[in-house]
Amino acid sequence: MGFCISCGQQHQDGIRFCRFCGNQQPGEQLLARLRQEAEQIHYLRLQAQALAQQQQQQQQQYSQNQYNQQQRW
């Protein structure tokens, strides 16, 4: 099932025109390309989140090490 790109109503896959608003819907090739791009964006987002988490952990370790060094003096 898909959704109209204009009015948002749900419709079956493969239709050319929305039965609610009459606007033309994208073809299967465009939908396949958009799905592939969405998967790539999702993958890049996951990578960015993992990198941000890793950097945050490194910053916390650095801060803890700085605190420990100050306590020794």
C-alpha atoms as a PDB file:
ATOM      1  CA  MET A   1       0.000   0.000   0.000  1.00  0.00           C
ATOM      2  CA  GLY A   2       1.126   3.512  -0.759  1.00  0.00           C
ATOM      3  CA  PHE A   3       0.049   7.050  -0.100  1.00  0.00           C
ATOM      4  CA  CYS A   4      -0.844   9.844  -2.503  1.00  0.00           C
ATOM      5  CA  ILE A   5       1.958  12.360  -2.854  1.00  0.00           C
ATOM      6  CA  SER A   6      -0.595  15.186  -2.931  1.00  0.00           C
ATOM      7  CA  CYS A   7      -3.436  14.435  -0.527  1.00  0.00           C
ATOM      8  CA  GLY A   8      -1.882  11.666   1.590  1.00  0.00           C
ATOM      9  CA  GLN A   9      -4.736   9.204   1.173  1.00  0.00           C
ATOM     10  CA  GLN A  10      -3.777   5.535   1.175  1.00  0.00           C
ATOM     11  CA  HIS A  11      -4.056   3.627  -2.099  1.00  0.00           C
ATOM     12  CA  GLN A  12      -2.866   0.388  -3.644  1.00  0.00           C
ATOM     13  CA  ASP A  13       0.567   0.196  -5.239  1.00  0.00           C
ATOM     14  CA  GLY A  14       0.865   0.611  -8.973  1.00  0.00           C
ATOM     15  CA  ILE A  15      -1.912   3.127  -9.575  1.00  0.00           C
ATOM     16  CA  ARG A  16      -1.219   6.059 -11.901  1.00  0.00           C
ATOM     17  CA  PHE A  17      -3.750   8.517 -10.477  1.00  0.00           C
ATOM     18  CA  CYS A  18      -5.106   9.030  -6.980  1.00  0.00           C
ATOM     19  CA  ARG A  19      -8.770   8.049  -6.729  1.00  0.00           C
ATOM     20  CA  PHE A  20      -9.364  10.774  -4.132  1.00  0.00           C
ATOM     21  CA  CYS A  21      -7.734  13.888  -5.624  1.00  0.00           C
ATOM     22  CA  GLY A  22      -6.922  12.732  -9.174  1.00  0.00           C
ATOM     23  CA  ASN A  23      -3.255  13.749  -9.090  1.00  0.00           C
ATOM     24  CA  GLN A  24      -0.745  11.645 -10.969  1.00  0.00           C
ATOM     25  CA  GLN A  25       1.403   9.329  -8.862  1.00  0.00           C
ATOM     26  CA  PRO A  26       5.091   8.528  -9.413  1.00  0.00           C
ATOM     27  CA  GLY A  27       6.009   5.502 -11.519  1.00  0.00           C
ATOM     28  CA  GLU A  28       7.564   2.319 -10.170  1.00  0.00           C
ATOM     29  CA  GLN A  29      11.072   3.271 -11.340  1.00  0.00           C
ATOM     30  CA  LEU A  30      10.969   6.534  -9.431  1.00  0.00           C
ATOM     31  CA  LEU A  31       9.584   4.809  -6.347  1.00  0.00           C
ATOM     32  CA  ALA A  32      12.357   2.203  -6.481  1.00  0.00           C
ATOM     33  CA  ARG A  33      14.992   4.941  -6.759  1.00  0.00           C
ATOM     34  CA  LEU A  34      13.466   6.887  -3.875  1.00  0.00           C
ATOM     35  CA  ARG A  35      13.361   3.774  -1.695  1.00  0.00           C
ATOM     36  CA  GLN A  36      17.025   3.108  -2.456  1.00  0.00           C
ATOM     37  CA  GLU A  37      17.949   6.698  -1.613  1.00  0.00           C
ATOM     38  CA  ALA A  38      15.950   6.481   1.621  1.00  0.00           C
ATOM     39  CA  GLU A  39      17.862   3.332   2.606  1.00  0.00           C
ATOM     40  CA  GLN A  40      21.170   5.084   1.911  1.00  0.00           C
ATOM     41  CA  ILE A  41      20.131   8.092   3.987  1.00  0.00           C
ATOM     42  CA  HIS A  42      19.075   5.801   6.824  1.00  0.00           C
ATOM     43  CA  TYR A  43      22.427   3.995   6.700  1.00  0.00           C
ATOM     44  CA  LEU A  44      24.353   7.308   6.723  1.00  0.00           C
ATOM     45  CA  ARG A  45      22.243   8.530   9.643  1.00  0.00           C
ATOM     46  CA  LEU A  46      23.065   5.385  11.627  1.00  0.00           C
ATOM     47  CA  GLN A  47      26.759   5.873  10.891  1.00  0.00           C
ATOM     48  CA  ALA A  48      26.620   9.510  12.004  1.00  0.00           C
ATOM     49  CA  GLN A  49      24.843   8.545  15.223  1.00  0.00           C
ATOM     50  CA  ALA A  50      27.444   5.872  15.966  1.00  0.00           C
ATOM     51  CA  LEU A  51      30.269   8.343  15.332  1.00  0.00           C
ATOM     52  CA  ALA A  52      28.647  10.975  17.552  1.00  0.00           C
ATOM     53  CA  GLN A  53      28.205   8.424  20.321  1.00  0.00           C
ATOM     54  CA  GLN A  54      31.823   7.354  20.011  1.00  0.00           C
ATOM     55  CA  GLN A  55      33.008  10.968  20.188  1.00  0.00           C
ATOM     56  CA  GLN A  56      30.827  11.586  23.233  1.00  0.00           C
ATOM     57  CA  GLN A  57      32.329   8.554  24.979  1.00  0.00           C
ATOM     58  CA  GLN A  58      35.834   9.754  24.177  1.00  0.00           C
ATOM     59  CA  GLN A  59      35.009  13.206  25.557  1.00  0.00           C
ATOM     60  CA  GLN A  60      33.652  11.651  28.753  1.00  0.00           C
ATOM     61  CA  GLN A  61      36.799   9.548  29.148  1.00  0.00           C
ATOM     62  CA  TYR A  62      38.985  12.603  28.587  1.00  0.00           C
ATOM     63  CA  SER A  63      37.006  14.595  31.150  1.00  0.00           C
ATOM     64  CA  GLN A  64      37.238  11.756  33.664  1.00  0.00           C
ATOM     65  CA  ASN A  65      40.992  11.496  33.117  1.00  0.00           C
ATOM     66  CA  GLN A  66      41.379  15.257  33.619  1.00  0.00           C
ATOM     67  CA  TYR A  67      39.348  15.057  36.839  1.00  0.00           C
ATOM     68  CA  ASN A  68      41.424  12.119  38.121  1.00  0.00           C
ATOM     69  CA  GLN A  69      44.670  13.981  37.433  1.00  0.00           C
ATOM     70  CA  GLN A  70      43.440  17.018  39.346  1.00  0.00           C
ATOM     71  CA  GLN A  71      42.501  14.843  42.324  1.00  0.00           C
ATOM     72  CA  ARG A  72      46.041  13.459  42.532  1.00  0.00           C
ATOM     73  CA  TRP A  73      47.546  16.899  43.106  1.00  0.00           C
END
